[in-house]
Amino acid sequence: MMGASIKLATDNGLCFKIGRNAGKVTHIKVELNSLDLYDVSYIRIYGVKYTVLATSENIYADMLLVDFKEKTGMNMSL
């Protein structure tokens, strides 16, 4: 639903590129922290400029879709 591509594995999670959205987010990085919860970074990469637009820490798995929608404006279900 997000048009995700260029998926990269990190030490504790993953990073992927998403399609155009209202939040101007180009990449999302999701990492599992020591509390068994997720830390999510919403990133904009334009040329060589890397900007973290927003972060969400200690997110439960069932809250990820709501957080994605708030930050990107993209609907994650059909």
PDB file of N, CA and C in Angstrom:
ATOM      1  N   MET A   1       0.805  -1.200   0.000  1.00  0.00           N
ATOM      2  CA  MET A   1       0.000   0.000   0.000  1.00  0.00           C
ATOM      3  C   MET A   1       0.851   1.268   0.000  1.00  0.00           C
ATOM      4  N   MET A   2       2.072   1.196   0.511  1.00  0.00           N
ATOM      5  CA  MET A   2       2.923   2.384   0.589  1.00  0.00           C
ATOM      6  C   MET A   2       3.840   2.513  -0.620  1.00  0.00           C
ATOM      7  N   GLY A   3       3.890   1.528  -1.458  1.00  0.00           N
ATOM      8  CA  GLY A   3       4.822   1.564  -2.572  1.00  0.00           C
ATOM      9  C   GLY A   3       6.255   1.439  -2.104  1.00  0.00           C
ATOM     10  N   ALA A   4       6.485   0.628  -1.077  1.00  0.00           N
ATOM     11  CA  ALA A   4       7.818   0.492  -0.486  1.00  0.00           C
ATOM     12  C   ALA A   4       8.787  -0.183  -1.452  1.00  0.00           C
ATOM     13  N   SER A   5      10.000   0.342  -1.471  1.00  0.00           N
ATOM     14  CA  SER A   5      11.061  -0.246  -2.290  1.00  0.00           C
ATOM     15  C   SER A   5      12.390   0.005  -1.588  1.00  0.00           C
ATOM     16  N   ILE A   6      13.443  -0.528  -2.150  1.00  0.00           N
ATOM     17  CA  ILE A   6      14.796  -0.398  -1.606  1.00  0.00           C
ATOM     18  C   ILE A   6      14.786  -0.680  -0.105  1.00  0.00           C
ATOM     19  N   LYS A   7      14.554  -1.906   0.224  1.00  0.00           N
ATOM     20  CA  LYS A   7      14.493  -2.326   1.616  1.00  0.00           C
ATOM     21  C   LYS A   7      15.897  -2.675   2.120  1.00  0.00           C
ATOM     22  N   LEU A   8      16.286  -2.137   3.265  1.00  0.00           N
ATOM     23  CA  LEU A   8      17.593  -2.399   3.854  1.00  0.00           C
ATOM     24  C   LEU A   8      17.430  -2.940   5.260  1.00  0.00           C
ATOM     25  N   ALA A   9      18.215  -3.939   5.611  1.00  0.00           N
ATOM     26  CA  ALA A   9      18.214  -4.461   6.973  1.00  0.00           C
ATOM     27  C   ALA A   9      19.261  -3.706   7.787  1.00  0.00           C
ATOM     28  N   THR A  10      18.890  -3.327   9.009  1.00  0.00           N
ATOM     29  CA  THR A  10      19.829  -2.705   9.934  1.00  0.00           C
ATOM     30  C   THR A  10      20.099  -3.706  11.053  1.00  0.00           C
ATOM     31  N   ASP A  11      20.880  -3.311  12.040  1.00  0.00           N
ATOM     32  CA  ASP A  11      21.181  -4.219  13.149  1.00  0.00           C
ATOM     33  C   ASP A  11      19.923  -4.667  13.886  1.00  0.00           C
ATOM     34  N   ASN A  12      19.010  -3.741  14.147  1.00  0.00           N
ATOM     35  CA  ASN A  12      17.815  -4.055  14.935  1.00  0.00           C
ATOM     36  C   ASN A  12      16.509  -3.803  14.205  1.00  0.00           C
ATOM     37  N   GLY A  13      16.536  -3.640  12.898  1.00  0.00           N
ATOM     38  CA  GLY A  13      15.291  -3.345  12.199  1.00  0.00           C
ATOM     39  C   GLY A  13      15.477  -3.265  10.701  1.00  0.00           C
ATOM     40  N   LEU A  14      14.722  -2.348  10.089  1.00  0.00           N
ATOM     41  CA  LEU A  14      14.794  -2.193   8.650  1.00  0.00           C
ATOM     42  C   LEU A  14      14.521  -0.757   8.260  1.00  0.00           C
ATOM     43  N   CYS A  15      14.927  -0.420   7.036  1.00  0.00           N
ATOM     44  CA  CYS A  15      14.712   0.898   6.473  1.00  0.00           C
ATOM     45  C   CYS A  15      14.194   0.698   5.058  1.00  0.00           C
ATOM     46  N   PHE A  16      13.188   1.480   4.668  1.00  0.00           N
ATOM     47  CA  PHE A  16      12.663   1.333   3.321  1.00  0.00           C
ATOM     48  C   PHE A  16      12.206   2.676   2.778  1.00  0.00           C
ATOM     49  N   LYS A  17      12.223   2.763   1.444  1.00  0.00           N
ATOM     50  CA  LYS A  17      11.785   3.958   0.749  1.00  0.00           C
ATOM     51  C   LYS A  17      10.301   3.813   0.457  1.00  0.00           C
ATOM     52  N   ILE A  18       9.551   4.913   0.602  1.00  0.00           N
ATOM     53  CA  ILE A  18       8.118   4.862   0.322  1.00  0.00           C
ATOM     54  C   ILE A  18       7.773   5.836  -0.797  1.00  0.00           C
ATOM     55  N   GLY A  19       6.560   5.702  -1.315  1.00  0.00           N
ATOM     56  CA  GLY A  19       6.090   6.564  -2.390  1.00  0.00           C
ATOM     57  C   GLY A  19       5.747   7.964  -1.903  1.00  0.00           C
ATOM     58  N   ARG A  20       5.302   8.801  -2.829  1.00  0.00           N
ATOM     59  CA  ARG A  20       4.944  10.178  -2.488  1.00  0.00           C
ATOM     60  C   ARG A  20       3.832  10.214  -1.450  1.00  0.00           C
ATOM     61  N   ASN A  21       3.928  11.199  -0.555  1.00  0.00           N
ATOM     62  CA  ASN A  21       2.917  11.330   0.490  1.00  0.00           C
ATOM     63  C   ASN A  21       2.836  12.778   0.943  1.00  0.00           C
ATOM     64  N   ALA A  22       1.787  13.095   1.701  1.00  0.00           N
ATOM     65  CA  ALA A  22       1.544  14.461   2.165  1.00  0.00           C
ATOM     66  C   ALA A  22       2.596  14.938   3.154  1.00  0.00           C
ATOM     67  N   GLY A  23       3.201  14.008   3.916  1.00  0.00           N
ATOM     68  CA  GLY A  23       4.197  14.378   4.908  1.00  0.00           C
ATOM     69  C   GLY A  23       5.582  14.613   4.353  1.00  0.00           C
ATOM     70  N   LYS A  24       5.769  14.417   3.037  1.00  0.00           N
ATOM     71  CA  LYS A  24       7.061  14.564   2.359  1.00  0.00           C
ATOM     72  C   LYS A  24       8.133  13.633   2.916  1.00  0.00           C
ATOM     73  N   VAL A  25       7.707  12.509   3.461  1.00  0.00           N
ATOM     74  CA  VAL A  25       8.613  11.483   3.975  1.00  0.00           C
ATOM     75  C   VAL A  25       9.055  10.625   2.796  1.00  0.00           C
ATOM     76  N   THR A  26      10.371  10.382   2.672  1.00  0.00           N
ATOM     77  CA  THR A  26      10.858   9.520   1.591  1.00  0.00           C
ATOM     78  C   THR A  26      11.276   8.150   2.095  1.00  0.00           C
ATOM     79  N   HIS A  27      11.715   8.079   3.375  1.00  0.00           N
ATOM     80  CA  HIS A  27      12.186   6.814   3.943  1.00  0.00           C
ATOM     81  C   HIS A  27      11.645   6.654   5.364  1.00  0.00           C
ATOM     82  N   ILE A  28      11.440   5.412   5.752  1.00  0.00           N
ATOM     83  CA  ILE A  28      11.034   5.091   7.118  1.00  0.00           C
ATOM     84  C   ILE A  28      12.005   4.063   7.668  1.00  0.00           C
ATOM     85  N   LYS A  29      12.496   4.329   8.885  1.00  0.00           N
ATOM     86  CA  LYS A  29      13.384   3.385   9.557  1.00  0.00           C
ATOM     87  C   LYS A  29      12.675   2.892  10.819  1.00  0.00           C
ATOM     88  N   VAL A  30      12.501   1.573  10.916  1.00  0.00           N
ATOM     89  CA  VAL A  30      11.826   0.949  12.054  1.00  0.00           C
ATOM     90  C   VAL A  30      12.837   0.059  12.762  1.00  0.00           C
ATOM     91  N   GLU A  31      13.050   0.305  14.048  1.00  0.00           N
ATOM     92  CA  GLU A  31      14.013  -0.487  14.812  1.00  0.00           C
ATOM     93  C   GLU A  31      13.385  -0.984  16.102  1.00  0.00           C
ATOM     94  N   LEU A  32      13.753  -2.191  16.485  1.00  0.00           N
ATOM     95  CA  LEU A  32      13.306  -2.793  17.736  1.00  0.00           C
ATOM     96  C   LEU A  32      14.257  -2.347  18.840  1.00  0.00           C
ATOM     97  N   ASN A  33      13.702  -1.806  19.938  1.00  0.00           N
ATOM     98  CA  ASN A  33      14.568  -1.340  21.020  1.00  0.00           C
ATOM     99  C   ASN A  33      14.656  -2.377  22.137  1.00  0.00           C
ATOM    100  N   SER A  34      15.365  -2.049  23.197  1.00  0.00           N
ATOM    101  CA  SER A  34      15.617  -3.001  24.285  1.00  0.00           C
ATOM    102  C   SER A  34      14.362  -3.344  25.098  1.00  0.00           C
ATOM    103  N   LEU A  35      13.304  -2.547  24.976  1.00  0.00           N
ATOM    104  CA  LEU A  35      12.048  -2.809  25.687  1.00  0.00           C
ATOM    105  C   LEU A  35      11.100  -3.695  24.879  1.00  0.00           C
ATOM    106  N   ASP A  36      11.556  -4.197  23.737  1.00  0.00           N
ATOM    107  CA  ASP A  36      10.740  -4.983  22.813  1.00  0.00           C
ATOM    108  C   ASP A  36       9.630  -4.141  22.183  1.00  0.00           C
ATOM    109  N   LEU A  37       9.895  -2.856  22.027  1.00  0.00           N
ATOM    110  CA  LEU A  37       8.988  -1.924  21.366  1.00  0.00           C
ATOM    111  C   LEU A  37       9.715  -1.338  20.170  1.00  0.00           C
ATOM    112  N   TYR A  38       9.011  -0.577  19.350  1.00  0.00           N
ATOM    113  CA  TYR A  38       9.596  -0.055  18.118  1.00  0.00           C
ATOM    114  C   TYR A  38       9.899   1.434  18.219  1.00  0.00           C
ATOM    115  N   ASP A  39      11.026   1.829  17.636  1.00  0.00           N
ATOM    116  CA  ASP A  39      11.377   3.230  17.441  1.00  0.00           C
ATOM    117  C   ASP A  39      11.311   3.471  15.929  1.00  0.00           C
ATOM    118  N   VAL A  40      10.571   4.493  15.524  1.00  0.00           N
ATOM    119  CA  VAL A  40      10.356   4.765  14.103  1.00  0.00           C
ATOM    120  C   VAL A  40      10.862   6.161  13.777  1.00  0.00           C
ATOM    121  N   SER A  41      11.658   6.258  12.720  1.00  0.00           N
ATOM    122  CA  SER A  41      12.158   7.546  12.239  1.00  0.00           C
ATOM    123  C   SER A  41      11.587   7.794  10.852  1.00  0.00           C
ATOM    124  N   TYR A  42      11.070   8.993  10.652  1.00  0.00           N
ATOM    125  CA  TYR A  42      10.524   9.398   9.360  1.00  0.00           C
ATOM    126  C   TYR A  42      11.527  10.372   8.755  1.00  0.00           C
ATOM    127  N   ILE A  43      12.083   9.983   7.613  1.00  0.00           N
ATOM    128  CA  ILE A  43      13.250  10.658   7.053  1.00  0.00           C
ATOM    129  C   ILE A  43      12.923  11.201   5.664  1.00  0.00           C
ATOM    130  N   ARG A  44      13.520  12.334   5.356  1.00  0.00           N
ATOM    131  CA  ARG A  44      13.434  12.890   4.007  1.00  0.00           C
ATOM    132  C   ARG A  44      14.848  12.985   3.467  1.00  0.00           C
ATOM    133  N   ILE A  45      15.096  12.324   2.348  1.00  0.00           N
ATOM    134  CA  ILE A  45      16.394  12.383   1.690  1.00  0.00           C
ATOM    135  C   ILE A  45      16.193  13.055   0.339  1.00  0.00           C
ATOM    136  N   TYR A  46      16.869  14.151   0.149  1.00  0.00           N
ATOM    137  CA  TYR A  46      16.785  14.895  -1.103  1.00  0.00           C
ATOM    138  C   TYR A  46      18.206  15.209  -1.538  1.00  0.00           C
ATOM    139  N   GLY A  47      18.659  14.530  -2.568  1.00  0.00           N
ATOM    140  CA  GLY A  47      20.044  14.670  -2.995  1.00  0.00           C
ATOM    141  C   GLY A  47      20.962  14.092  -1.931  1.00  0.00           C
ATOM    142  N   VAL A  48      21.817  14.923  -1.362  1.00  0.00           N
ATOM    143  CA  VAL A  48      22.693  14.466  -0.283  1.00  0.00           C
ATOM    144  C   VAL A  48      22.208  14.962   1.079  1.00  0.00           C
ATOM    145  N   LYS A  49      21.084  15.670   1.104  1.00  0.00           N
ATOM    146  CA  LYS A  49      20.544  16.207   2.355  1.00  0.00           C
ATOM    147  C   LYS A  49      19.668  15.159   3.040  1.00  0.00           C
ATOM    148  N   TYR A  50      20.004  14.845   4.291  1.00  0.00           N
ATOM    149  CA  TYR A  50      19.328  13.838   5.098  1.00  0.00           C
ATOM    150  C   TYR A  50      18.667  14.567   6.268  1.00  0.00           C
ATOM    151  N   THR A  51      17.330  14.538   6.342  1.00  0.00           N
ATOM    152  CA  THR A  51      16.607  15.239   7.395  1.00  0.00           C
ATOM    153  C   THR A  51      15.642  14.288   8.083  1.00  0.00           C
ATOM    154  N   VAL A  52      15.737  14.201   9.406  1.00  0.00           N
ATOM    155  CA  VAL A  52      14.773  13.413  10.174  1.00  0.00           C
ATOM    156  C   VAL A  52      13.589  14.334  10.469  1.00  0.00           C
ATOM    157  N   LEU A  53      12.446  14.039   9.859  1.00  0.00           N
ATOM    158  CA  LEU A  53      11.266  14.884  10.004  1.00  0.00           C
ATOM    159  C   LEU A  53      10.531  14.639  11.312  1.00  0.00           C
ATOM    160  N   ALA A  54      10.480  13.385  11.739  1.00  0.00           N
ATOM    161  CA  ALA A  54       9.778  13.038  12.977  1.00  0.00           C
ATOM    162  C   ALA A  54      10.293  11.704  13.487  1.00  0.00           C
ATOM    163  N   THR A  55      10.151  11.499  14.779  1.00  0.00           N
ATOM    164  CA  THR A  55      10.488  10.209  15.379  1.00  0.00           C
ATOM    165  C   THR A  55       9.379   9.819  16.342  1.00  0.00           C
ATOM    166  N   SER A  56       9.175   8.542  16.480  1.00  0.00           N
ATOM    167  CA  SER A  56       8.234   7.983  17.453  1.00  0.00           C
ATOM    168  C   SER A  56       8.976   6.897  18.195  1.00  0.00           C
ATOM    169  N   GLU A  57       8.952   6.956  19.509  1.00  0.00           N
ATOM    170  CA  GLU A  57       9.678   5.983  20.311  1.00  0.00           C
ATOM    171  C   GLU A  57       8.720   5.147  21.138  1.00  0.00           C
ATOM    172  N   ASN A  58       9.135   3.908  21.403  1.00  0.00           N
ATOM    173  CA  ASN A  58       8.374   2.973  22.241  1.00  0.00           C
ATOM    174  C   ASN A  58       6.953   2.756  21.728  1.00  0.00           C
ATOM    175  N   ILE A  59       6.851   2.418  20.454  1.00  0.00           N
ATOM    176  CA  ILE A  59       5.569   2.165  19.800  1.00  0.00           C
ATOM    177  C   ILE A  59       5.280   0.664  19.844  1.00  0.00           C
ATOM    178  N   TYR A  60       4.074   0.292  20.255  1.00  0.00           N
ATOM    179  CA  TYR A  60       3.651  -1.103  20.205  1.00  0.00           C
ATOM    180  C   TYR A  60       3.336  -1.482  18.755  1.00  0.00           C
ATOM    181  N   ALA A  61       3.421  -2.754  18.438  1.00  0.00           N
ATOM    182  CA  ALA A  61       3.209  -3.229  17.067  1.00  0.00           C
ATOM    183  C   ALA A  61       1.838  -2.841  16.536  1.00  0.00           C
ATOM    184  N   ASP A  62       0.807  -2.898  17.378  1.00  0.00           N
ATOM    185  CA  ASP A  62      -0.539  -2.568  16.907  1.00  0.00           C
ATOM    186  C   ASP A  62      -0.735  -1.067  16.699  1.00  0.00           C
ATOM    187  N   MET A  63       0.215  -0.257  17.113  1.00  0.00           N
ATOM    188  CA  MET A  63       0.127   1.191  16.937  1.00  0.00           C
ATOM    189  C   MET A  63       0.903   1.676  15.713  1.00  0.00           C
ATOM    190  N   LEU A  64       1.640   0.790  15.051  1.00  0.00           N
ATOM    191  CA  LEU A  64       2.478   1.201  13.919  1.00  0.00           C
ATOM    192  C   LEU A  64       1.668   1.786  12.764  1.00  0.00           C
ATOM    193  N   LEU A  65       0.573   1.152  12.399  1.00  0.00           N
ATOM    194  CA  LEU A  65      -0.217   1.639  11.265  1.00  0.00           C
ATOM    195  C   LEU A  65      -0.782   3.025  11.529  1.00  0.00           C
ATOM    196  N   VAL A  66      -1.249   3.263  12.736  1.00  0.00           N
ATOM    197  CA  VAL A  66      -1.777   4.583  13.091  1.00  0.00           C
ATOM    198  C   VAL A  66      -0.665   5.628  13.045  1.00  0.00           C
ATOM    199  N   ASP A  67       0.509   5.277  13.540  1.00  0.00           N
ATOM    200  CA  ASP A  67       1.640   6.190  13.526  1.00  0.00           C
ATOM    201  C   ASP A  67       2.068   6.507  12.096  1.00  0.00           C
ATOM    202  N   PHE A  68       2.127   5.497  11.227  1.00  0.00           N
ATOM    203  CA  PHE A  68       2.471   5.720   9.824  1.00  0.00           C
ATOM    204  C   PHE A  68       1.486   6.698   9.192  1.00  0.00           C
ATOM    205  N   LYS A  69       0.188   6.498   9.449  1.00  0.00           N
ATOM    206  CA  LYS A  69      -0.831   7.359   8.845  1.00  0.00           C
ATOM    207  C   LYS A  69      -0.711   8.795   9.353  1.00  0.00           C
ATOM    208  N   GLU A  70      -0.448   8.971  10.644  1.00  0.00           N
ATOM    209  CA  GLU A  70      -0.301  10.318  11.202  1.00  0.00           C
ATOM    210  C   GLU A  70       0.868  11.064  10.582  1.00  0.00           C
ATOM    211  N   LYS A  71       1.977  10.376  10.379  1.00  0.00           N
ATOM    212  CA  LYS A  71       3.196  11.032   9.922  1.00  0.00           C
ATOM    213  C   LYS A  71       3.269  11.191   8.403  1.00  0.00           C
ATOM    214  N   THR A  72       2.668  10.255   7.646  1.00  0.00           N
ATOM    215  CA  THR A  72       2.775  10.306   6.195  1.00  0.00           C
ATOM    216  C   THR A  72       1.477  10.700   5.488  1.00  0.00           C
ATOM    217  N   GLY A  73       0.358  10.490   6.161  1.00  0.00           N
ATOM    218  CA  GLY A  73      -0.938  10.742   5.522  1.00  0.00           C
ATOM    219  C   GLY A  73      -1.386   9.613   4.625  1.00  0.00           C
ATOM    220  N   MET A  74      -0.637   8.514   4.604  1.00  0.00           N
ATOM    221  CA  MET A  74      -0.973   7.367   3.752  1.00  0.00           C
ATOM    222  C   MET A  74      -1.799   6.359   4.522  1.00  0.00           C
ATOM    223  N   ASN A  75      -2.845   5.847   3.877  1.00  0.00           N
ATOM    224  CA  ASN A  75      -3.683   4.819   4.484  1.00  0.00           C
ATOM    225  C   ASN A  75      -3.017   3.460   4.310  1.00  0.00           C
ATOM    226  N   MET A  76      -2.960   2.667   5.350  1.00  0.00           N
ATOM    227  CA  MET A  76      -2.251   1.395   5.299  1.00  0.00           C
ATOM    228  C   MET A  76      -3.169   0.192   5.181  1.00  0.00           C
ATOM    229  N   SER A  77      -4.431   0.400   4.897  1.00  0.00           N
ATOM    230  CA  SER A  77      -5.341  -0.738   4.721  1.00  0.00           C
ATOM    231  C   SER A  77      -6.214  -0.491   3.498  1.00  0.00           C
ATOM    232  N   LEU A  78      -6.839  -1.536   3.027  1.00  0.00           N
ATOM    233  CA  LEU A  78      -7.679  -1.416   1.832  1.00  0.00           C
ATOM    234  C   LEU A  78      -9.005  -0.812   2.125  1.00  0.00           C
TER     235      LEU A  78
END
